[in-house]
Amino acid sequence: IGPAERDIVSSWYSMFANPHNEELEEYPEEGESVPEMPAHLIVKIDELTPHSRKVFTRIKILELKEPQTVGGRDGEDSRTVTEARVGDETGTVLMTIWEEELGDVDEGNTFELHNGYVGLMRGHLRLYIGRYGKLYPAEDPVEQINTELDLSELEYRDSSDRRDGGRGGFKGGGRGRPQGRD
């Protein structure tokens, strides 16, 4: 791209993606200190919803299932993935962990999840590290775990599970139009 396009992208970024000109967090290299979690973004497990984004939380790995190898899409190589039950003093949830983070994860260890997100898998809540997230070893362990509340056992209605096939639109309750109105 040329200088004019670069200026447009730069001004768009400063206006919309970083409106307060905040210093962008760079993730530390091996051996560097872990960035502090933004206090206003820290959440507990029982506060997670199917639409939670930018999740910053401290979790303990309670159970780590056997890693599996899965095939990639569009001819990509296969990757390793596992599922872990994680929790804090408010509840537990399942978390998907891909091979990039797998080497550091052991049962009983406490981690800080920075910039993760929540999604639904077959109607059940799942915590993800994601492309922009990072899992860091925590200095302070999570001592007590509330195993009574398992958010992954609760069933949510997936928006793609609607009668109209999830397309929205006039009678399907699309954006901005209350469902059931003609």
N, C-alpha and C. Protein backbone atom coordinates (compact mmCIF):
# COMPACT_ATOMS: atom_id res chain seq x y z
N ILE A 1 0.84 -1.18 0.00
CA ILE A 1 0.00 0.00 0.00
C ILE A 1 0.88 1.24 0.00
N GLY A 2 0.36 2.29 -0.55
CA GLY A 2 1.11 3.52 -0.65
C GLY A 2 0.97 4.39 0.59
N PRO A 3 1.69 5.53 0.59
CA PRO A 3 1.65 6.42 1.75
C PRO A 3 0.25 6.95 2.05
N ALA A 4 -0.54 7.25 1.04
CA ALA A 4 -1.89 7.77 1.27
C ALA A 4 -2.77 6.73 1.96
N GLU A 5 -2.69 5.48 1.48
CA GLU A 5 -3.48 4.40 2.09
C GLU A 5 -3.00 4.13 3.52
N ARG A 6 -1.70 4.21 3.74
CA ARG A 6 -1.14 3.99 5.07
C ARG A 6 -1.66 5.05 6.04
N ASP A 7 -1.76 6.31 5.59
CA ASP A 7 -2.29 7.38 6.44
C ASP A 7 -3.76 7.15 6.76
N ILE A 8 -4.53 6.67 5.79
CA ILE A 8 -5.95 6.39 6.02
C ILE A 8 -6.10 5.28 7.06
N VAL A 9 -5.33 4.22 6.90
CA VAL A 9 -5.39 3.11 7.85
C VAL A 9 -4.97 3.58 9.24
N SER A 10 -3.92 4.38 9.30
CA SER A 10 -3.43 4.88 10.58
C SER A 10 -4.47 5.76 11.26
N SER A 11 -5.12 6.65 10.52
CA SER A 11 -6.12 7.51 11.14
C SER A 11 -7.35 6.72 11.54
N TRP A 12 -7.75 5.73 10.73
CA TRP A 12 -8.87 4.88 11.10
C TRP A 12 -8.56 4.14 12.39
N TYR A 13 -7.34 3.60 12.48
CA TYR A 13 -6.95 2.86 13.67
C TYR A 13 -7.01 3.75 14.90
N SER A 14 -6.46 4.97 14.82
CA SER A 14 -6.43 5.83 15.99
C SER A 14 -7.83 6.28 16.39
N MET A 15 -8.76 6.41 15.43
CA MET A 15 -10.12 6.84 15.74
C MET A 15 -10.97 5.73 16.31
N PHE A 16 -10.87 4.54 15.73
CA PHE A 16 -11.81 3.47 16.09
C PHE A 16 -11.20 2.35 16.92
N ALA A 17 -10.05 1.86 16.56
CA ALA A 17 -9.48 0.72 17.26
C ALA A 17 -8.78 1.12 18.56
N ASN A 18 -8.28 2.36 18.64
CA ASN A 18 -7.58 2.81 19.82
C ASN A 18 -7.95 4.27 20.10
N PRO A 19 -9.23 4.55 20.41
CA PRO A 19 -9.70 5.92 20.49
C PRO A 19 -9.05 6.75 21.60
N HIS A 20 -8.54 6.12 22.65
CA HIS A 20 -7.96 6.86 23.76
C HIS A 20 -6.44 6.90 23.68
N ASN A 21 -5.88 6.48 22.55
CA ASN A 21 -4.42 6.44 22.35
C ASN A 21 -3.71 5.71 23.47
N GLU A 22 -4.31 4.58 23.90
CA GLU A 22 -3.70 3.79 24.96
C GLU A 22 -2.47 3.08 24.43
N GLU A 23 -1.51 2.89 25.31
CA GLU A 23 -0.31 2.14 24.95
C GLU A 23 -0.74 0.70 24.70
N LEU A 24 -0.42 0.15 23.56
CA LEU A 24 -0.83 -1.22 23.26
C LEU A 24 0.11 -2.20 23.94
N GLU A 25 -0.47 -3.23 24.53
CA GLU A 25 0.29 -4.21 25.30
C GLU A 25 1.03 -5.16 24.37
N GLU A 26 2.31 -5.25 24.55
CA GLU A 26 3.11 -6.24 23.84
C GLU A 26 3.30 -7.42 24.78
N TYR A 27 3.17 -8.63 24.28
CA TYR A 27 3.34 -9.78 25.13
C TYR A 27 4.82 -10.05 25.36
N PRO A 28 5.17 -10.45 26.58
CA PRO A 28 6.59 -10.61 26.90
C PRO A 28 7.19 -11.83 26.22
N GLU A 29 8.46 -11.73 25.95
CA GLU A 29 9.21 -12.86 25.44
C GLU A 29 9.53 -13.78 26.62
N GLU A 30 10.08 -14.93 26.33
CA GLU A 30 10.45 -15.90 27.35
C GLU A 30 11.35 -15.25 28.40
N GLY A 31 11.00 -15.41 29.68
CA GLY A 31 11.81 -14.87 30.76
C GLY A 31 11.42 -13.46 31.19
N GLU A 32 10.63 -12.75 30.40
CA GLU A 32 10.19 -11.41 30.77
C GLU A 32 8.99 -11.51 31.71
N SER A 33 8.69 -10.40 32.39
CA SER A 33 7.58 -10.41 33.33
C SER A 33 6.23 -10.41 32.60
N VAL A 34 5.22 -10.94 33.28
CA VAL A 34 3.88 -11.03 32.74
C VAL A 34 3.19 -9.67 32.87
N PRO A 35 2.52 -9.20 31.82
CA PRO A 35 1.81 -7.92 31.94
C PRO A 35 0.68 -8.03 32.96
N GLU A 36 0.41 -6.93 33.64
CA GLU A 36 -0.65 -6.91 34.64
C GLU A 36 -2.01 -6.91 33.94
N MET A 37 -2.96 -7.67 34.51
CA MET A 37 -4.30 -7.70 33.94
C MET A 37 -5.01 -6.38 34.25
N PRO A 38 -5.70 -5.80 33.26
CA PRO A 38 -6.45 -4.56 33.52
C PRO A 38 -7.56 -4.83 34.53
N ALA A 39 -7.54 -4.12 35.66
CA ALA A 39 -8.47 -4.38 36.75
C ALA A 39 -9.93 -4.29 36.32
N HIS A 40 -10.26 -3.37 35.43
CA HIS A 40 -11.66 -3.20 35.02
C HIS A 40 -12.14 -4.31 34.08
N LEU A 41 -11.23 -5.15 33.60
CA LEU A 41 -11.62 -6.24 32.71
C LEU A 41 -11.60 -7.62 33.37
N ILE A 42 -11.09 -7.72 34.59
CA ILE A 42 -10.98 -9.01 35.26
C ILE A 42 -12.37 -9.54 35.61
N VAL A 43 -12.63 -10.79 35.24
CA VAL A 43 -13.92 -11.41 35.53
C VAL A 43 -13.71 -12.74 36.24
N LYS A 44 -14.73 -13.15 36.94
CA LYS A 44 -14.76 -14.47 37.58
C LYS A 44 -15.53 -15.41 36.66
N ILE A 45 -15.35 -16.70 36.87
CA ILE A 45 -15.99 -17.72 36.02
C ILE A 45 -17.51 -17.54 36.01
N ASP A 46 -18.12 -17.27 37.15
CA ASP A 46 -19.59 -17.17 37.18
C ASP A 46 -20.12 -15.93 36.47
N GLU A 47 -19.25 -15.03 36.02
CA GLU A 47 -19.67 -13.85 35.28
C GLU A 47 -19.63 -14.05 33.76
N LEU A 48 -19.12 -15.19 33.32
CA LEU A 48 -18.99 -15.45 31.88
C LEU A 48 -20.35 -15.69 31.24
N THR A 49 -20.51 -15.19 30.02
CA THR A 49 -21.73 -15.40 29.23
C THR A 49 -21.31 -15.92 27.87
N PRO A 50 -22.26 -16.42 27.07
CA PRO A 50 -21.88 -16.91 25.74
C PRO A 50 -21.27 -15.83 24.84
N HIS A 51 -21.44 -14.56 25.19
CA HIS A 51 -20.92 -13.48 24.35
C HIS A 51 -19.75 -12.75 24.99
N SER A 52 -19.14 -13.32 26.04
CA SER A 52 -18.02 -12.65 26.71
C SER A 52 -16.82 -12.58 25.77
N ARG A 53 -16.26 -11.39 25.67
CA ARG A 53 -15.06 -11.15 24.88
C ARG A 53 -14.06 -10.41 25.76
N LYS A 54 -12.83 -10.38 25.35
CA LYS A 54 -11.76 -9.73 26.12
C LYS A 54 -11.80 -10.22 27.56
N VAL A 55 -11.75 -11.53 27.72
CA VAL A 55 -11.83 -12.15 29.05
C VAL A 55 -10.44 -12.17 29.69
N PHE A 56 -10.34 -11.54 30.85
CA PHE A 56 -9.14 -11.58 31.67
C PHE A 56 -9.56 -12.22 32.98
N THR A 57 -8.96 -13.38 33.30
CA THR A 57 -9.35 -14.10 34.51
C THR A 57 -8.20 -14.96 35.00
N ARG A 58 -8.26 -15.34 36.28
CA ARG A 58 -7.27 -16.25 36.85
C ARG A 58 -7.97 -17.58 37.08
N ILE A 59 -7.39 -18.66 36.57
CA ILE A 59 -8.02 -19.98 36.62
C ILE A 59 -7.03 -21.05 37.06
N LYS A 60 -7.57 -22.10 37.64
CA LYS A 60 -6.76 -23.26 38.01
C LYS A 60 -7.16 -24.41 37.10
N ILE A 61 -6.17 -25.15 36.60
CA ILE A 61 -6.44 -26.33 35.76
C ILE A 61 -6.81 -27.48 36.70
N LEU A 62 -8.05 -27.92 36.62
CA LEU A 62 -8.55 -28.97 37.51
C LEU A 62 -8.38 -30.35 36.88
N GLU A 63 -8.65 -30.43 35.60
CA GLU A 63 -8.57 -31.71 34.88
C GLU A 63 -8.13 -31.44 33.46
N LEU A 64 -7.19 -32.23 32.99
CA LEU A 64 -6.67 -32.08 31.64
C LEU A 64 -6.90 -33.39 30.90
N LYS A 65 -7.70 -33.34 29.85
CA LYS A 65 -8.00 -34.56 29.09
C LYS A 65 -6.84 -34.90 28.16
N GLU A 66 -6.85 -36.11 27.66
CA GLU A 66 -5.81 -36.58 26.75
C GLU A 66 -5.82 -35.74 25.46
N PRO A 67 -4.66 -35.21 25.05
CA PRO A 67 -4.61 -34.42 23.80
C PRO A 67 -4.99 -35.27 22.59
N GLN A 68 -5.63 -34.62 21.61
CA GLN A 68 -6.02 -35.29 20.38
C GLN A 68 -5.42 -34.55 19.19
N THR A 69 -5.18 -35.28 18.13
CA THR A 69 -4.70 -34.69 16.89
C THR A 69 -5.88 -34.54 15.95
N VAL A 70 -6.05 -33.34 15.42
CA VAL A 70 -7.16 -33.07 14.50
C VAL A 70 -6.60 -32.56 13.19
N GLY A 71 -7.31 -32.86 12.10
CA GLY A 71 -6.90 -32.41 10.78
C GLY A 71 -7.18 -30.94 10.59
N GLY A 72 -6.35 -30.28 9.83
CA GLY A 72 -6.54 -28.86 9.56
C GLY A 72 -7.51 -28.63 8.42
N ARG A 73 -7.95 -27.38 8.29
CA ARG A 73 -8.84 -27.00 7.19
C ARG A 73 -8.00 -26.53 6.01
N ASP A 74 -8.56 -26.63 4.83
CA ASP A 74 -7.94 -26.11 3.61
C ASP A 74 -6.52 -26.61 3.41
N GLY A 75 -6.27 -27.87 3.73
CA GLY A 75 -4.97 -28.46 3.49
C GLY A 75 -3.91 -28.13 4.53
N GLU A 76 -4.28 -27.46 5.63
CA GLU A 76 -3.31 -27.18 6.67
C GLU A 76 -2.89 -28.48 7.34
N ASP A 77 -1.76 -28.46 8.00
CA ASP A 77 -1.31 -29.62 8.74
C ASP A 77 -2.20 -29.86 9.94
N SER A 78 -2.13 -31.09 10.48
CA SER A 78 -2.93 -31.41 11.65
C SER A 78 -2.33 -30.72 12.88
N ARG A 79 -3.19 -30.53 13.89
CA ARG A 79 -2.78 -29.85 15.12
C ARG A 79 -3.25 -30.65 16.32
N THR A 80 -2.66 -30.38 17.47
CA THR A 80 -3.02 -31.04 18.71
C THR A 80 -3.88 -30.11 19.54
N VAL A 81 -4.92 -30.68 20.13
CA VAL A 81 -5.85 -29.90 20.95
C VAL A 81 -6.27 -30.76 22.14
N THR A 82 -6.58 -30.09 23.23
CA THR A 82 -7.10 -30.80 24.39
C THR A 82 -8.17 -29.95 25.06
N GLU A 83 -8.85 -30.58 25.98
CA GLU A 83 -9.92 -29.92 26.73
C GLU A 83 -9.52 -29.97 28.20
N ALA A 84 -9.73 -28.87 28.89
CA ALA A 84 -9.40 -28.82 30.31
C ALA A 84 -10.60 -28.28 31.08
N ARG A 85 -10.82 -28.81 32.27
CA ARG A 85 -11.79 -28.22 33.18
C ARG A 85 -10.99 -27.24 34.03
N VAL A 86 -11.42 -25.98 34.01
CA VAL A 86 -10.74 -24.93 34.76
C VAL A 86 -11.74 -24.28 35.70
N GLY A 87 -11.23 -23.64 36.75
CA GLY A 87 -12.16 -23.01 37.67
C GLY A 87 -11.51 -21.99 38.58
N ASP A 88 -12.39 -21.32 39.31
CA ASP A 88 -11.97 -20.39 40.36
C ASP A 88 -12.95 -20.54 41.52
N GLU A 89 -12.94 -19.60 42.44
CA GLU A 89 -13.80 -19.71 43.62
C GLU A 89 -15.28 -19.55 43.32
N THR A 90 -15.63 -19.19 42.08
CA THR A 90 -17.04 -18.99 41.74
C THR A 90 -17.64 -20.10 40.88
N GLY A 91 -16.82 -20.91 40.21
CA GLY A 91 -17.36 -21.96 39.36
C GLY A 91 -16.30 -22.57 38.46
N THR A 92 -16.75 -23.46 37.57
CA THR A 92 -15.86 -24.12 36.61
C THR A 92 -16.43 -24.02 35.21
N VAL A 93 -15.57 -24.26 34.22
CA VAL A 93 -15.98 -24.23 32.82
C VAL A 93 -14.95 -25.04 32.03
N LEU A 94 -15.36 -25.56 30.88
CA LEU A 94 -14.41 -26.24 30.00
C LEU A 94 -13.66 -25.22 29.16
N MET A 95 -12.38 -25.49 28.92
CA MET A 95 -11.56 -24.61 28.11
C MET A 95 -10.83 -25.45 27.05
N THR A 96 -10.81 -24.96 25.83
CA THR A 96 -10.08 -25.60 24.75
C THR A 96 -8.67 -25.05 24.73
N ILE A 97 -7.68 -25.95 24.67
CA ILE A 97 -6.28 -25.54 24.65
C ILE A 97 -5.60 -26.17 23.44
N TRP A 98 -5.08 -25.33 22.55
CA TRP A 98 -4.38 -25.79 21.35
C TRP A 98 -2.90 -25.99 21.64
N GLU A 99 -2.20 -26.64 20.73
CA GLU A 99 -0.82 -27.06 20.92
C GLU A 99 0.13 -25.91 21.29
N GLU A 100 -0.15 -24.70 20.85
CA GLU A 100 0.74 -23.59 21.14
C GLU A 100 0.86 -23.32 22.63
N GLU A 101 -0.21 -23.58 23.39
CA GLU A 101 -0.24 -23.32 24.82
C GLU A 101 -0.09 -24.60 25.64
N LEU A 102 -0.18 -25.73 25.01
CA LEU A 102 -0.28 -27.01 25.70
C LEU A 102 0.96 -27.37 26.51
N GLY A 103 2.12 -27.00 26.05
CA GLY A 103 3.36 -27.39 26.72
C GLY A 103 3.49 -26.87 28.13
N ASP A 104 2.89 -25.73 28.42
CA ASP A 104 3.02 -25.10 29.74
C ASP A 104 1.94 -25.52 30.72
N VAL A 105 0.94 -26.26 30.26
CA VAL A 105 -0.25 -26.51 31.07
C VAL A 105 -0.17 -27.87 31.77
N ASP A 106 -0.35 -27.83 33.10
CA ASP A 106 -0.40 -29.05 33.91
C ASP A 106 -1.54 -28.93 34.91
N GLU A 107 -2.14 -30.07 35.27
CA GLU A 107 -3.20 -30.07 36.28
C GLU A 107 -2.67 -29.50 37.58
N GLY A 108 -3.51 -28.71 38.24
CA GLY A 108 -3.14 -28.12 39.52
C GLY A 108 -2.48 -26.76 39.41
N ASN A 109 -2.01 -26.37 38.23
CA ASN A 109 -1.36 -25.07 38.05
C ASN A 109 -2.39 -23.98 37.86
N THR A 110 -2.03 -22.77 38.26
CA THR A 110 -2.89 -21.61 38.10
C THR A 110 -2.33 -20.72 37.01
N PHE A 111 -3.25 -20.21 36.17
CA PHE A 111 -2.85 -19.36 35.04
C PHE A 111 -3.70 -18.10 35.00
N GLU A 112 -3.15 -17.09 34.36
CA GLU A 112 -3.91 -15.89 34.01
C GLU A 112 -4.23 -15.98 32.53
N LEU A 113 -5.49 -15.85 32.20
CA LEU A 113 -5.91 -15.78 30.81
C LEU A 113 -6.07 -14.31 30.45
N HIS A 114 -5.33 -13.88 29.45
CA HIS A 114 -5.41 -12.49 28.98
C HIS A 114 -6.07 -12.48 27.61
N ASN A 115 -7.15 -11.74 27.50
CA ASN A 115 -7.82 -11.50 26.22
C ASN A 115 -8.40 -12.77 25.59
N GLY A 116 -8.97 -13.64 26.41
CA GLY A 116 -9.65 -14.82 25.89
C GLY A 116 -11.07 -14.47 25.48
N TYR A 117 -11.84 -15.48 25.14
CA TYR A 117 -13.25 -15.25 24.80
C TYR A 117 -14.06 -16.49 25.10
N VAL A 118 -15.37 -16.33 25.11
CA VAL A 118 -16.28 -17.44 25.39
C VAL A 118 -17.12 -17.70 24.16
N GLY A 119 -17.39 -18.96 23.88
CA GLY A 119 -18.26 -19.34 22.79
C GLY A 119 -19.10 -20.53 23.20
N LEU A 120 -19.93 -20.98 22.29
CA LEU A 120 -20.77 -22.15 22.53
C LEU A 120 -20.30 -23.30 21.66
N MET A 121 -20.25 -24.47 22.24
CA MET A 121 -19.99 -25.69 21.48
C MET A 121 -21.15 -26.63 21.76
N ARG A 122 -21.95 -26.88 20.72
CA ARG A 122 -23.15 -27.71 20.85
C ARG A 122 -24.06 -27.21 21.97
N GLY A 123 -24.17 -25.88 22.09
CA GLY A 123 -25.06 -25.28 23.06
C GLY A 123 -24.51 -25.14 24.47
N HIS A 124 -23.23 -25.49 24.67
CA HIS A 124 -22.63 -25.43 26.00
C HIS A 124 -21.47 -24.45 26.01
N LEU A 125 -21.36 -23.70 27.12
CA LEU A 125 -20.34 -22.67 27.26
C LEU A 125 -18.94 -23.27 27.21
N ARG A 126 -18.05 -22.57 26.53
CA ARG A 126 -16.66 -23.01 26.41
C ARG A 126 -15.77 -21.78 26.44
N LEU A 127 -14.67 -21.84 27.18
CA LEU A 127 -13.69 -20.76 27.27
C LEU A 127 -12.57 -21.05 26.29
N TYR A 128 -12.18 -20.02 25.53
CA TYR A 128 -11.12 -20.17 24.53
C TYR A 128 -10.01 -19.14 24.76
N ILE A 129 -8.79 -19.54 24.48
CA ILE A 129 -7.67 -18.60 24.54
C ILE A 129 -7.72 -17.71 23.31
N GLY A 130 -7.91 -18.29 22.15
CA GLY A 130 -8.07 -17.53 20.93
C GLY A 130 -6.78 -17.03 20.33
N ARG A 131 -6.90 -16.49 19.14
CA ARG A 131 -5.76 -15.99 18.38
C ARG A 131 -5.07 -14.82 19.08
N TYR A 132 -5.85 -13.94 19.73
CA TYR A 132 -5.30 -12.75 20.35
C TYR A 132 -5.11 -12.90 21.85
N GLY A 133 -5.44 -14.07 22.38
CA GLY A 133 -5.30 -14.30 23.81
C GLY A 133 -3.98 -14.95 24.16
N LYS A 134 -3.71 -15.01 25.44
CA LYS A 134 -2.47 -15.59 25.92
C LYS A 134 -2.71 -16.15 27.32
N LEU A 135 -2.08 -17.27 27.60
CA LEU A 135 -2.17 -17.92 28.89
C LEU A 135 -0.82 -17.79 29.59
N TYR A 136 -0.80 -17.17 30.78
CA TYR A 136 0.43 -16.96 31.53
C TYR A 136 0.38 -17.70 32.85
N PRO A 137 1.49 -18.28 33.30
CA PRO A 137 1.52 -18.84 34.65
C PRO A 137 1.28 -17.73 35.67
N ALA A 138 0.41 -17.98 36.65
CA ALA A 138 0.08 -16.97 37.67
C ALA A 138 1.01 -17.11 38.86
N GLU A 139 1.33 -15.98 39.48
CA GLU A 139 2.17 -16.02 40.67
C GLU A 139 1.38 -16.50 41.88
N ASP A 140 0.13 -16.03 42.01
CA ASP A 140 -0.71 -16.42 43.14
C ASP A 140 -1.67 -17.52 42.71
N PRO A 141 -1.66 -18.67 43.42
CA PRO A 141 -2.55 -19.77 43.04
C PRO A 141 -4.00 -19.51 43.42
N VAL A 142 -4.91 -20.12 42.68
CA VAL A 142 -6.32 -20.14 43.06
C VAL A 142 -6.44 -21.31 44.03
N GLU A 143 -6.78 -21.00 45.28
CA GLU A 143 -6.80 -22.04 46.32
C GLU A 143 -8.12 -22.80 46.36
N GLN A 144 -9.24 -22.06 46.39
CA GLN A 144 -10.54 -22.71 46.53
C GLN A 144 -11.27 -22.69 45.20
N ILE A 145 -11.91 -23.80 44.89
CA ILE A 145 -12.66 -23.94 43.64
C ILE A 145 -14.10 -24.29 43.98
N ASN A 146 -15.05 -23.59 43.35
CA ASN A 146 -16.46 -23.91 43.51
C ASN A 146 -16.82 -24.92 42.41
N THR A 147 -16.91 -26.18 42.76
CA THR A 147 -17.25 -27.21 41.79
C THR A 147 -18.76 -27.41 41.68
N GLU A 148 -19.53 -26.69 42.50
CA GLU A 148 -20.99 -26.80 42.46
C GLU A 148 -21.57 -26.17 41.19
N LEU A 149 -20.93 -25.10 40.70
CA LEU A 149 -21.41 -24.42 39.49
C LEU A 149 -20.49 -24.75 38.32
N ASP A 150 -21.01 -25.52 37.38
CA ASP A 150 -20.27 -25.86 36.16
C ASP A 150 -20.99 -25.19 34.99
N LEU A 151 -20.43 -24.09 34.51
CA LEU A 151 -21.08 -23.35 33.43
C LEU A 151 -21.19 -24.16 32.14
N SER A 152 -20.33 -25.14 31.95
CA SER A 152 -20.39 -25.95 30.73
C SER A 152 -21.52 -26.97 30.77
N GLU A 153 -22.12 -27.19 31.92
CA GLU A 153 -23.27 -28.09 32.00
C GLU A 153 -24.57 -27.39 31.62
N LEU A 154 -24.59 -26.06 31.77
CA LEU A 154 -25.78 -25.30 31.41
C LEU A 154 -25.93 -25.31 29.89
N GLU A 155 -27.18 -25.40 29.41
CA GLU A 155 -27.41 -25.43 27.98
C GLU A 155 -27.97 -24.10 27.52
N TYR A 156 -27.35 -23.56 26.49
CA TYR A 156 -27.78 -22.29 25.90
C TYR A 156 -28.34 -22.57 24.52
N ARG A 157 -29.28 -21.75 24.10
CA ARG A 157 -29.83 -21.88 22.76
C ARG A 157 -28.89 -21.18 21.79
N ASP A 158 -28.36 -21.93 20.88
CA ASP A 158 -27.46 -21.39 19.86
C ASP A 158 -28.29 -20.59 18.87
N SER A 159 -27.85 -19.40 18.50
CA SER A 159 -28.62 -18.55 17.59
C SER A 159 -28.79 -19.19 16.22
N SER A 160 -27.93 -20.14 15.86
CA SER A 160 -28.08 -20.81 14.57
C SER A 160 -29.11 -21.93 14.65
N ASP A 161 -29.69 -22.13 15.84
CA ASP A 161 -30.67 -23.20 16.05
C ASP A 161 -32.10 -22.66 15.97
N ARG A 162 -32.31 -21.63 15.18
CA ARG A 162 -33.64 -21.05 15.05
C ARG A 162 -34.42 -21.74 13.94
N ARG A 163 -35.75 -21.57 13.96
CA ARG A 163 -36.61 -22.23 12.97
C ARG A 163 -36.29 -21.83 11.54
N ASP A 164 -35.78 -20.63 11.34
CA ASP A 164 -35.51 -20.18 9.98
C ASP A 164 -34.09 -20.54 9.54
N GLY A 165 -33.42 -21.40 10.30
CA GLY A 165 -32.08 -21.82 9.92
C GLY A 165 -31.01 -20.82 10.32
N GLY A 166 -31.34 -19.83 11.16
CA GLY A 166 -30.36 -18.88 11.62
C GLY A 166 -30.10 -17.74 10.65
N ARG A 167 -30.98 -17.55 9.67
CA ARG A 167 -30.74 -16.53 8.65
C ARG A 167 -31.20 -15.15 9.07
N GLY A 168 -32.04 -15.03 10.10
CA GLY A 168 -32.56 -13.72 10.46
C GLY A 168 -33.57 -13.28 9.42
N GLY A 169 -33.66 -12.01 9.19
CA GLY A 169 -34.57 -11.51 8.17
C GLY A 169 -35.90 -11.08 8.75
N PHE A 170 -36.85 -10.78 7.87
CA PHE A 170 -38.10 -10.16 8.27
C PHE A 170 -38.87 -10.97 9.30
N LYS A 171 -39.12 -12.24 9.04
CA LYS A 171 -39.89 -13.05 9.99
C LYS A 171 -38.98 -13.86 10.91
N GLY A 172 -37.69 -13.81 10.69
CA GLY A 172 -36.79 -14.60 11.50
C GLY A 172 -36.20 -13.87 12.67
N GLY A 173 -36.65 -12.63 12.92
CA GLY A 173 -36.11 -11.91 14.07
C GLY A 173 -34.70 -11.43 13.83
N GLY A 174 -34.44 -10.88 12.66
CA GLY A 174 -33.11 -10.38 12.34
C GLY A 174 -32.71 -9.23 13.23
N ARG A 175 -31.57 -8.67 13.02
CA ARG A 175 -31.06 -7.58 13.87
C ARG A 175 -32.02 -6.41 13.87
N GLY A 176 -32.27 -5.90 15.04
CA GLY A 176 -33.07 -4.70 15.17
C GLY A 176 -34.56 -4.91 15.08
N ARG A 177 -35.01 -6.10 14.82
CA ARG A 177 -36.44 -6.37 14.70
C ARG A 177 -36.78 -7.44 15.75
N PRO A 178 -37.67 -7.10 16.68
CA PRO A 178 -38.04 -8.08 17.70
C PRO A 178 -38.63 -9.35 17.07
N GLN A 179 -38.24 -10.48 17.62
CA GLN A 179 -38.74 -11.74 17.10
C GLN A 179 -40.23 -11.87 17.36
N GLY A 180 -40.98 -12.40 16.36
CA GLY A 180 -42.39 -12.62 16.51
C GLY A 180 -43.24 -11.49 15.97
N ARG A 181 -42.64 -10.40 15.52
CA ARG A 181 -43.39 -9.28 14.95
C ARG A 181 -43.46 -9.41 13.44
N ASP A 182 -44.59 -9.18 12.88
CA ASP A 182 -44.73 -9.23 11.41
C ASP A 182 -44.83 -7.84 10.83
